[in-house]
Amino acid sequence: MKKIKLAIIAFIATIGTLEAQMGARIDQYYMDPSVIIPAAITNSENGFVSLYYNKLFTAVPGSPQHTLFNVGIPIPKKNMAFGLMYMKETIAFSELHNAYATYAYSIGLGGENRISLGVSAGILSQNFDASKAIYYDNDDPRINALMFSPPVIRADLRASIFAKGENYKAGFSFSRLPKPQFDYSYYNYTAKYDLQSQSNFMFEYAIDLEEEFKLKPSVNVGMYNWDYMYYQFNVSAYYMENFWLGVGMNNILQMGYNLGLKIYDDVQISYSYNVPVGRQYGLLGPMHEFRTNIGFGALGNGKGNGSGDDSEGGDSEDGEGGSDGKGGADGQGMSESVRKFKAATVKSIEDMEAFGLGNDSSGITLPPVPKVKPEPGFYLVAGLHSSEDKANNQIKSLYMKDVYAYKIYDPRNKSFYVFLKHYQTEKDANKGTFYFEASVPNVWVREVK
């Protein structure tokens, strides 16, 4: 049997009289905010899967480790999202399984600002693996009560709120609302304890640096039973969202670095390494965390409608969207197989209109837009993208639905916007949103000064 530290045994042995806590520590919380703020499943335009694994205090046998599987399925067209999460927390010979289903609803606050409310229902299941423990006293009834009791399962609820804007993300969550109690019985001995409530607050802000670079500081603050507080800081530098490198620390002076890479359009991998400083170093050892994120788009489907790469087009008025002033102009609903091929290099939305509808979108060539400040005014926007390729894909997708669109680049946030129309006044732009409301959901007005 594996030998574990006396301190861990002492902690488990007193479980009948103390409130015990197994609380996951996720160092790379900023990569997928929904792992600690469930309502953040609305943060992504497309569905995704996140996988985490970490090992804390590797110099201590039986130290905590966490395995996490998180799925987000946003439906931007209906302003909502669904999520599934499973996490296994292991400390010594104790295992806690967490499984939740989440529903979140997103509300627009104007521009790119949105707020999401989420509720999660799930179960907690705790069990003990006798093969991973060593008895210091084979007759201790408390240890036996834990070892030979069947797994205990309790229901749990979580509530969360998440806000997102052009350069920030923030959220708050509160879990273990019913404060589940675990009971273990072995002959005439009974052990009982409550899992502490757990709350988290997260904030991230994006700062534009030189061309293609961003700096993103973030913080995660957590509390157990509104008493014990912990916090984690991280600052990462991003290059075109394709590579990032950062440093972090927490409230007990454990410091380290993290790095990540986008290896494919919708596939990311990252790694975090932390080292306790001072006398803790030799006692606890370093910590490792691995993360993989796979977007459903990498699998060839799962892209959300609305503000994503698969936005829908449709009817409009006042000359917007169609060659004859109607979004539902000639060619509406035509499959690509019956469309004629016509080659054109498109450098503006006027070029798109001159190209006409009913053609094969493969004939459209979209050269890179100059990375300078676009023409001032108000743009009716259908999508925001970190890469120009994604913007081009959405433009062609909208064209296949008989909606004209083009792109601009905003140097302030190093992002590409797909827009449907350019206006001189905000009043006219707001009117334009109604023309596309039924066919291109979630359009918004972007002002360029």
Protein backbone atom coordinates (compact mmCIF):
# COMPACT_ATOMS: atom_id res chain seq x y z
CA MET A 1 0.00 0.00 0.00
CA LYS A 2 1.14 3.51 -0.70
CA LYS A 3 2.36 5.43 2.30
CA ILE A 4 0.98 8.91 2.83
CA LYS A 5 1.99 11.76 5.09
CA LEU A 6 0.89 11.68 8.72
CA ALA A 7 -0.62 15.15 8.33
CA ILE A 8 -3.04 13.92 5.66
CA ILE A 9 -4.03 10.91 7.77
CA ALA A 10 -4.61 13.19 10.76
CA PHE A 11 -6.83 15.45 8.65
CA ILE A 12 -8.97 12.58 7.39
CA ALA A 13 -9.11 10.98 10.84
CA THR A 14 -10.70 14.08 12.36
CA ILE A 15 -13.32 14.25 9.66
CA GLY A 16 -16.08 13.37 12.13
CA THR A 17 -15.65 16.56 14.13
CA LEU A 18 -14.37 19.10 11.60
CA GLU A 19 -15.83 20.60 8.44
CA ALA A 20 -13.71 19.13 5.67
CA GLN A 21 -13.14 20.59 2.26
CA MET A 22 -11.98 19.28 -1.07
CA GLY A 23 -11.85 22.30 -3.31
CA ALA A 24 -10.31 22.16 -6.78
CA ARG A 25 -7.54 24.55 -7.65
CA ILE A 26 -7.38 25.29 -11.37
CA ASP A 27 -4.32 27.42 -12.19
CA GLN A 28 -5.37 28.11 -15.80
CA TYR A 29 -8.88 29.29 -14.90
CA TYR A 30 -8.54 32.24 -17.34
CA MET A 31 -8.28 29.90 -20.36
CA ASP A 32 -11.81 28.59 -19.84
CA PRO A 33 -13.67 30.82 -17.34
CA SER A 34 -16.61 28.39 -17.25
CA VAL A 35 -14.61 25.88 -15.18
CA ILE A 36 -15.11 28.20 -12.18
CA ILE A 37 -17.93 30.48 -13.47
CA PRO A 38 -20.45 28.11 -15.14
CA ALA A 39 -22.41 30.97 -16.76
CA ALA A 40 -19.30 31.69 -18.87
CA ILE A 41 -20.27 28.87 -21.24
CA THR A 42 -21.81 31.74 -23.23
CA ASN A 43 -18.32 33.24 -23.66
CA SER A 44 -17.60 31.25 -26.82
CA GLU A 45 -19.41 31.54 -30.13
CA ASN A 46 -18.92 27.85 -30.87
CA GLY A 47 -19.12 24.65 -28.88
CA PHE A 48 -15.98 23.42 -27.15
CA VAL A 49 -14.47 20.76 -24.90
CA SER A 50 -11.89 21.58 -22.21
CA LEU A 51 -9.74 18.96 -20.51
CA TYR A 52 -7.65 19.73 -17.42
CA TYR A 53 -5.31 17.69 -15.28
CA ASN A 54 -3.15 18.94 -12.44
CA LYS A 55 -1.00 17.53 -9.68
CA LEU A 56 -0.34 19.74 -6.66
CA PHE A 57 2.62 19.49 -4.25
CA THR A 58 4.33 16.65 -6.08
CA ALA A 59 6.85 16.07 -3.24
CA VAL A 60 4.03 14.90 -0.95
CA PRO A 61 2.71 11.37 -1.57
CA GLY A 62 -1.07 11.40 -1.81
CA SER A 63 -1.17 15.14 -2.56
CA PRO A 64 -4.22 16.63 -4.34
CA GLN A 65 -4.82 16.04 -8.03
CA HIS A 66 -7.73 17.02 -10.24
CA THR A 67 -9.06 15.72 -13.54
CA LEU A 68 -11.68 17.91 -15.22
CA PHE A 69 -13.83 17.48 -18.35
CA ASN A 70 -15.90 20.53 -19.39
CA VAL A 71 -18.25 20.94 -22.37
CA GLY A 72 -19.94 24.14 -23.55
CA ILE A 73 -22.68 24.22 -26.18
CA PRO A 74 -23.69 27.85 -26.89
CA ILE A 75 -26.73 28.67 -29.00
CA PRO A 76 -26.18 32.39 -29.78
CA LYS A 77 -29.26 32.48 -31.99
CA LYS A 78 -31.37 31.97 -28.86
CA ASN A 79 -29.02 33.77 -26.45
CA MET A 80 -28.47 30.68 -24.33
CA ALA A 81 -26.02 27.85 -23.73
CA PHE A 82 -25.84 24.40 -22.17
CA GLY A 83 -22.89 22.85 -20.40
CA LEU A 84 -21.72 19.60 -18.83
CA MET A 85 -18.87 19.27 -16.38
CA TYR A 86 -17.25 16.35 -14.58
CA MET A 87 -14.37 16.66 -12.15
CA LYS A 88 -12.60 14.13 -9.97
CA GLU A 89 -10.72 15.44 -6.94
CA THR A 90 -8.34 13.08 -5.19
CA ILE A 91 -6.49 13.60 -1.88
CA ALA A 92 -4.69 10.59 -0.44
CA PHE A 93 -7.28 7.78 -0.33
CA SER A 94 -10.29 10.13 -0.61
CA GLU A 95 -12.07 10.79 -3.92
CA LEU A 96 -14.76 13.37 -4.61
CA HIS A 97 -16.64 13.23 -7.92
CA ASN A 98 -18.46 16.36 -9.18
CA ALA A 99 -20.93 16.23 -12.08
CA TYR A 100 -23.06 19.17 -13.22
CA ALA A 101 -25.40 20.20 -16.01
CA THR A 102 -25.58 23.97 -16.62
CA TYR A 103 -28.05 26.27 -18.34
CA ALA A 104 -27.12 29.90 -19.02
CA TYR A 105 -29.02 32.76 -20.61
CA SER A 106 -27.28 35.77 -22.14
CA ILE A 107 -28.67 39.32 -22.18
CA GLY A 108 -27.31 42.09 -24.43
CA LEU A 109 -26.49 45.38 -22.74
CA GLY A 110 -25.65 47.34 -25.86
CA GLY A 111 -22.61 47.19 -28.09
CA GLU A 112 -20.41 44.24 -27.21
CA ASN A 113 -21.45 44.15 -23.56
CA ARG A 114 -23.41 41.11 -22.44
CA ILE A 115 -24.34 39.57 -19.12
CA SER A 116 -25.16 35.89 -18.59
CA LEU A 117 -27.00 34.17 -15.76
CA GLY A 118 -26.40 30.49 -15.10
CA VAL A 119 -27.76 27.72 -12.90
CA SER A 120 -26.16 24.30 -12.47
CA ALA A 121 -27.65 21.15 -11.00
CA GLY A 122 -25.54 18.15 -10.18
CA ILE A 123 -24.34 15.54 -7.77
CA LEU A 124 -21.36 15.05 -5.46
CA SER A 125 -20.15 11.54 -4.74
CA GLN A 126 -17.42 10.73 -2.22
CA ASN A 127 -15.67 7.42 -1.67
CA PHE A 128 -12.42 6.12 -0.18
CA ASP A 129 -9.89 3.82 -1.82
CA ALA A 130 -8.40 1.57 0.85
CA SER A 131 -5.58 0.47 -1.46
CA LYS A 132 -4.06 3.97 -1.27
CA ALA A 133 -3.85 4.20 2.53
CA ILE A 134 -1.74 2.78 5.31
CA TYR A 135 -3.12 2.14 8.80
CA TYR A 136 -1.23 3.53 11.75
CA ASP A 137 -3.82 1.93 13.99
CA ASN A 138 -5.75 -0.95 12.43
CA ASP A 139 -8.40 -0.69 15.13
CA ASP A 140 -9.19 3.01 14.68
CA PRO A 141 -13.00 3.04 14.21
CA ARG A 142 -12.93 6.39 12.41
CA ILE A 143 -10.68 5.09 9.64
CA ASN A 144 -12.71 1.90 9.35
CA ALA A 145 -15.94 3.88 9.22
CA LEU A 146 -14.61 5.76 6.21
CA MET A 147 -12.99 2.82 4.48
CA PHE A 148 -15.87 0.39 4.58
CA SER A 149 -18.79 2.73 4.02
CA PRO A 150 -20.31 2.72 0.52
CA PRO A 151 -19.95 5.87 -1.63
CA VAL A 152 -22.10 8.75 -0.42
CA ILE A 153 -24.02 10.75 -3.05
CA ARG A 154 -25.58 14.15 -2.49
CA ALA A 155 -27.36 16.67 -4.75
CA ASP A 156 -25.84 20.08 -5.35
CA LEU A 157 -26.76 23.41 -6.94
CA ARG A 158 -24.63 26.24 -8.29
CA ALA A 159 -25.55 29.79 -9.29
CA SER A 160 -23.38 32.09 -11.39
CA ILE A 161 -23.26 35.36 -13.30
CA PHE A 162 -20.83 36.35 -16.06
CA ALA A 163 -20.26 39.67 -17.83
CA LYS A 164 -18.26 40.27 -20.98
CA GLY A 165 -17.33 43.36 -22.97
CA GLU A 166 -14.85 44.40 -25.60
CA ASN A 167 -11.81 44.13 -23.32
CA TYR A 168 -12.98 42.51 -20.11
CA LYS A 169 -14.50 39.38 -18.58
CA ALA A 170 -15.86 39.12 -15.05
CA GLY A 171 -17.93 36.59 -13.16
CA PHE A 172 -19.10 35.30 -9.81
CA SER A 173 -20.28 31.83 -8.82
CA PHE A 174 -21.56 30.18 -5.66
CA SER A 175 -21.65 26.41 -5.32
CA ARG A 176 -22.82 23.81 -2.80
CA LEU A 177 -25.92 25.85 -2.10
CA PRO A 178 -27.66 23.04 -0.13
CA LYS A 179 -24.44 22.51 1.88
CA PRO A 180 -24.37 18.71 1.44
CA GLN A 181 -23.66 16.54 4.48
CA PHE A 182 -21.81 13.25 4.20
CA ASP A 183 -22.54 10.40 6.66
CA TYR A 184 -20.38 7.32 7.18
CA SER A 185 -21.30 4.42 9.46
CA TYR A 186 -19.29 1.39 10.54
CA TYR A 187 -20.85 -0.78 13.24
CA ASN A 188 -21.60 1.59 16.11
CA TYR A 189 -19.44 4.46 14.87
CA THR A 190 -20.77 7.29 12.70
CA ALA A 191 -18.82 10.09 11.04
CA LYS A 192 -20.64 13.17 9.76
CA TYR A 193 -19.44 16.38 8.17
CA ASP A 194 -20.63 19.14 5.87
CA LEU A 195 -18.88 20.24 2.71
CA GLN A 196 -18.18 23.92 2.90
CA SER A 197 -19.84 26.32 0.47
CA GLN A 198 -17.50 27.58 -2.22
CA SER A 199 -17.59 30.91 -4.07
CA ASN A 200 -15.41 32.34 -6.82
CA PHE A 201 -14.91 35.76 -8.38
CA MET A 202 -12.91 36.15 -11.60
CA PHE A 203 -11.84 39.22 -13.57
CA GLU A 204 -9.73 39.58 -16.71
CA TYR A 205 -8.81 42.66 -18.73
CA ALA A 206 -7.16 42.83 -22.16
CA ILE A 207 -4.62 45.58 -22.83
CA ASP A 208 -3.51 46.29 -26.40
CA LEU A 209 0.25 46.52 -26.85
CA GLU A 210 2.18 46.61 -30.11
CA GLU A 211 0.77 45.24 -33.34
CA GLU A 212 -0.70 41.75 -32.81
CA PHE A 213 0.18 41.69 -29.09
CA LYS A 214 -2.10 41.79 -26.05
CA LEU A 215 -1.48 41.71 -22.32
CA LYS A 216 -4.17 40.05 -20.19
CA PRO A 217 -3.96 40.35 -16.40
CA SER A 218 -6.49 38.26 -14.45
CA VAL A 219 -7.40 37.30 -10.90
CA ASN A 220 -9.43 34.51 -9.32
CA VAL A 221 -10.58 35.04 -5.72
CA GLY A 222 -12.26 32.19 -3.84
CA MET A 223 -13.79 31.69 -0.42
CA TYR A 224 -14.88 28.70 1.67
CA ASN A 225 -17.91 29.35 3.90
CA TRP A 226 -17.29 33.10 3.42
CA ASP A 227 -14.33 32.67 5.75
CA TYR A 228 -11.08 31.31 4.35
CA MET A 229 -10.05 33.24 1.22
CA TYR A 230 -7.52 32.36 -1.46
CA TYR A 231 -6.55 34.18 -4.63
CA GLN A 232 -4.56 33.62 -7.79
CA PHE A 233 -3.02 36.21 -10.09
CA ASN A 234 -1.87 35.76 -13.66
CA VAL A 235 -0.53 38.05 -16.37
CA SER A 236 -0.13 36.58 -19.86
CA ALA A 237 1.16 38.13 -23.09
CA TYR A 238 -0.62 36.92 -26.26
CA TYR A 239 0.56 37.03 -29.85
CA MET A 240 -2.44 36.97 -32.21
CA GLU A 241 -4.15 34.56 -29.79
CA ASN A 242 -1.88 31.89 -31.30
CA PHE A 243 0.81 31.84 -28.61
CA TRP A 244 0.89 33.10 -25.04
CA LEU A 245 3.33 33.21 -22.15
CA GLY A 246 2.54 34.32 -18.62
CA VAL A 247 3.52 34.42 -14.97
CA GLY A 248 1.35 33.84 -11.92
CA MET A 249 1.28 33.59 -8.15
CA ASN A 250 -1.19 32.91 -5.33
CA ASN A 251 -1.80 33.99 -1.77
CA ILE A 252 0.60 31.47 -0.24
CA LEU A 253 3.47 32.70 -2.40
CA GLN A 254 3.56 29.93 -4.93
CA MET A 255 4.90 31.37 -8.17
CA GLY A 256 5.39 30.05 -11.65
CA TYR A 257 4.83 30.43 -15.37
CA ASN A 258 2.40 29.24 -18.02
CA LEU A 259 2.56 28.93 -21.77
CA GLY A 260 0.18 27.90 -24.52
CA LEU A 261 -0.12 27.36 -28.24
CA LYS A 262 -2.92 27.22 -30.77
CA ILE A 263 -1.92 24.20 -32.83
CA TYR A 264 -4.97 24.33 -35.09
CA ASP A 265 -7.82 26.73 -35.76
CA ASP A 266 -9.92 25.38 -32.87
CA VAL A 267 -7.36 23.39 -30.88
CA GLN A 268 -5.26 24.82 -28.04
CA ILE A 269 -2.83 23.26 -25.58
CA SER A 270 -1.26 24.90 -22.53
CA TYR A 271 0.82 24.11 -19.47
CA SER A 272 1.29 25.71 -16.06
CA TYR A 273 4.20 25.16 -13.64
CA ASN A 274 4.28 26.56 -10.11
CA VAL A 275 6.90 26.34 -7.36
CA PRO A 276 6.38 27.09 -3.66
CA VAL A 277 8.95 29.59 -2.45
CA GLY A 278 11.01 29.60 0.74
CA ARG A 279 10.84 26.65 3.12
CA GLN A 280 7.74 25.33 1.36
CA TYR A 281 9.80 24.32 -1.68
CA GLY A 282 11.49 21.28 -0.17
CA LEU A 283 8.39 20.24 1.76
CA LEU A 284 5.71 20.51 -0.91
CA GLY A 285 7.39 20.39 -4.30
CA PRO A 286 6.24 21.96 -7.60
CA MET A 287 2.80 21.81 -9.22
CA HIS A 288 1.94 20.90 -12.82
CA GLU A 289 -1.23 21.54 -14.82
CA PHE A 290 -2.04 20.55 -18.40
CA ARG A 291 -4.96 21.83 -20.44
CA THR A 292 -6.39 21.07 -23.89
CA ASN A 293 -9.26 22.91 -25.54
CA ILE A 294 -10.97 21.54 -28.65
CA GLY A 295 -13.60 23.61 -30.44
CA PHE A 296 -16.41 21.81 -32.19
CA GLY A 297 -15.42 23.72 -35.32
CA ALA A 298 -12.27 21.58 -35.46
CA LEU A 299 -14.57 18.57 -35.85
CA GLY A 300 -16.37 20.17 -38.79
CA ASN A 301 -19.59 21.23 -37.04
CA GLY A 302 -21.00 22.77 -33.91
CA LYS A 303 -20.57 26.40 -34.92
CA GLY A 304 -23.08 28.77 -33.39
CA ASN A 305 -25.26 31.08 -35.37
CA GLY A 306 -25.60 34.78 -34.91
CA SER A 307 -22.30 36.46 -34.12
CA GLY A 308 -20.19 33.48 -35.12
CA ASP A 309 -18.85 32.20 -38.43
CA ASP A 310 -22.19 30.71 -39.46
CA SER A 311 -24.46 33.72 -39.11
CA GLU A 312 -27.69 33.65 -41.03
CA GLY A 313 -28.71 36.15 -43.67
CA GLY A 314 -32.17 37.19 -44.78
CA ASP A 315 -34.66 39.88 -45.64
CA SER A 316 -33.76 43.53 -45.28
CA GLU A 317 -34.98 46.85 -46.54
CA ASP A 318 -33.66 50.21 -47.68
CA GLY A 319 -31.12 48.67 -50.02
CA GLU A 320 -29.47 46.53 -47.36
CA GLY A 321 -28.47 42.96 -48.03
CA GLY A 322 -29.82 42.32 -51.58
CA SER A 323 -29.06 43.49 -55.10
CA ASP A 324 -32.53 44.90 -55.51
CA GLY A 325 -32.87 46.35 -52.03
CA LYS A 326 -34.18 43.10 -50.53
CA GLY A 327 -32.19 40.59 -48.54
CA GLY A 328 -34.25 37.80 -50.11
CA ALA A 329 -33.16 38.60 -53.66
CA ASP A 330 -32.57 36.24 -56.57
CA GLY A 331 -30.69 33.13 -55.59
CA GLN A 332 -32.18 32.90 -52.09
CA GLY A 333 -32.09 29.28 -50.97
CA MET A 334 -30.13 28.08 -54.02
CA SER A 335 -27.72 25.26 -53.27
CA GLU A 336 -24.09 25.74 -54.18
CA SER A 337 -24.32 23.02 -56.80
CA VAL A 338 -26.66 25.11 -58.98
CA ARG A 339 -24.82 28.40 -58.54
CA LYS A 340 -22.67 29.65 -61.38
CA PHE A 341 -18.97 30.28 -60.93
CA LYS A 342 -17.80 33.85 -61.28
CA ALA A 343 -14.41 35.10 -60.12
CA ALA A 344 -14.01 38.45 -58.41
CA THR A 345 -11.56 40.15 -56.06
CA VAL A 346 -13.62 41.95 -53.44
CA LYS A 347 -12.08 44.91 -51.61
CA SER A 348 -15.23 46.58 -50.25
CA ILE A 349 -18.89 45.96 -49.61
CA GLU A 350 -19.59 47.89 -52.81
CA ASP A 351 -17.55 45.27 -54.68
CA MET A 352 -19.70 42.58 -53.06
CA GLU A 353 -22.85 44.27 -54.33
CA ALA A 354 -21.34 44.61 -57.80
CA PHE A 355 -20.46 40.89 -57.73
CA GLY A 356 -24.17 40.14 -57.43
CA LEU A 357 -26.05 37.27 -55.81
CA GLY A 358 -26.56 33.70 -56.95
CA ASN A 359 -22.88 32.95 -57.66
CA ASP A 360 -20.60 30.30 -56.20
CA SER A 361 -18.86 31.76 -53.13
CA SER A 362 -15.62 29.97 -54.09
CA GLY A 363 -15.14 32.61 -56.76
CA ILE A 364 -14.84 35.37 -54.15
CA THR A 365 -11.27 36.41 -53.30
CA LEU A 366 -10.99 38.52 -50.15
CA PRO A 367 -7.55 40.16 -49.87
CA PRO A 368 -6.27 41.25 -46.45
CA VAL A 369 -7.66 44.55 -45.24
CA PRO A 370 -5.13 47.26 -44.31
CA LYS A 371 -4.46 47.20 -40.57
CA VAL A 372 -5.21 50.87 -40.13
CA LYS A 373 -8.06 52.74 -38.51
CA PRO A 374 -11.25 52.19 -40.58
CA GLU A 375 -13.51 54.94 -41.83
CA PRO A 376 -15.33 56.65 -38.93
CA GLY A 377 -19.01 56.02 -38.50
CA PHE A 378 -21.40 53.36 -37.25
CA TYR A 379 -21.09 49.80 -38.49
CA LEU A 380 -23.84 47.18 -38.28
CA VAL A 381 -21.75 44.22 -37.13
CA ALA A 382 -22.57 40.51 -37.47
CA GLY A 383 -19.33 38.99 -36.16
CA LEU A 384 -16.12 39.63 -34.24
CA HIS A 385 -13.05 37.50 -34.97
CA SER A 386 -9.45 37.23 -33.82
CA SER A 387 -8.31 35.96 -37.24
CA GLU A 388 -9.02 37.29 -40.73
CA ASP A 389 -9.64 33.79 -42.07
CA LYS A 390 -12.64 33.41 -39.77
CA ALA A 391 -13.98 36.78 -40.89
CA ASN A 392 -13.63 35.70 -44.54
CA ASN A 393 -15.50 32.48 -43.81
CA GLN A 394 -18.39 34.36 -42.28
CA ILE A 395 -18.56 36.81 -45.19
CA LYS A 396 -18.88 33.89 -47.63
CA SER A 397 -21.38 32.13 -45.38
CA LEU A 398 -23.58 35.23 -45.30
CA TYR A 399 -23.24 35.60 -49.07
CA MET A 400 -24.58 32.04 -49.55
CA LYS A 401 -27.65 33.23 -47.65
CA ASP A 402 -27.93 36.28 -49.89
CA VAL A 403 -26.62 38.83 -47.42
CA TYR A 404 -23.83 41.16 -48.43
CA ALA A 405 -21.10 41.69 -45.83
CA TYR A 406 -17.53 42.85 -45.61
CA LYS A 407 -14.83 43.34 -42.96
CA ILE A 408 -12.88 46.00 -41.13
CA TYR A 409 -9.89 45.76 -38.81
CA ASP A 410 -9.85 47.67 -35.53
CA PRO A 411 -6.28 48.37 -34.31
CA ARG A 412 -7.55 49.13 -30.80
CA ASN A 413 -8.38 45.51 -30.02
CA LYS A 414 -6.52 43.82 -32.90
CA SER A 415 -9.76 42.20 -34.13
CA PHE A 416 -11.70 41.81 -37.38
CA TYR A 417 -15.35 42.84 -37.62
CA VAL A 418 -17.77 41.51 -40.23
CA PHE A 419 -20.30 44.25 -40.98
CA LEU A 420 -23.46 44.43 -43.05
CA LYS A 421 -23.78 48.17 -43.53
CA HIS A 422 -21.96 51.42 -42.74
CA TYR A 423 -23.93 54.44 -41.46
CA GLN A 424 -23.09 58.02 -40.67
CA THR A 425 -25.46 58.33 -37.69
CA GLU A 426 -26.23 56.03 -34.77
CA LYS A 427 -29.97 56.53 -35.31
CA ASP A 428 -29.79 55.08 -38.83
CA ALA A 429 -27.60 52.20 -37.61
CA ASN A 430 -30.10 51.28 -34.90
CA LYS A 431 -32.85 51.22 -37.51
CA GLY A 432 -30.70 48.85 -39.56
CA THR A 433 -30.67 46.28 -36.77
CA PHE A 434 -34.41 45.76 -37.23
CA TYR A 435 -33.99 44.96 -40.92
CA PHE A 436 -31.76 41.98 -40.09
CA GLU A 437 -33.34 41.01 -36.78
CA ALA A 438 -35.12 37.89 -38.05
CA SER A 439 -32.45 36.64 -40.44
CA VAL A 440 -29.10 37.65 -38.90
CA PRO A 441 -29.56 37.42 -35.13
CA ASN A 442 -27.41 39.26 -32.62
CA VAL A 443 -26.21 42.05 -34.89
CA TRP A 444 -25.01 45.11 -33.03
CA VAL A 445 -23.78 48.62 -33.71
CA ARG A 446 -20.04 49.35 -33.54
CA GLU A 447 -18.94 52.99 -33.48
CA VAL A 448 -15.58 53.95 -34.96
CA LYS A 449 -14.50 57.48 -34.06
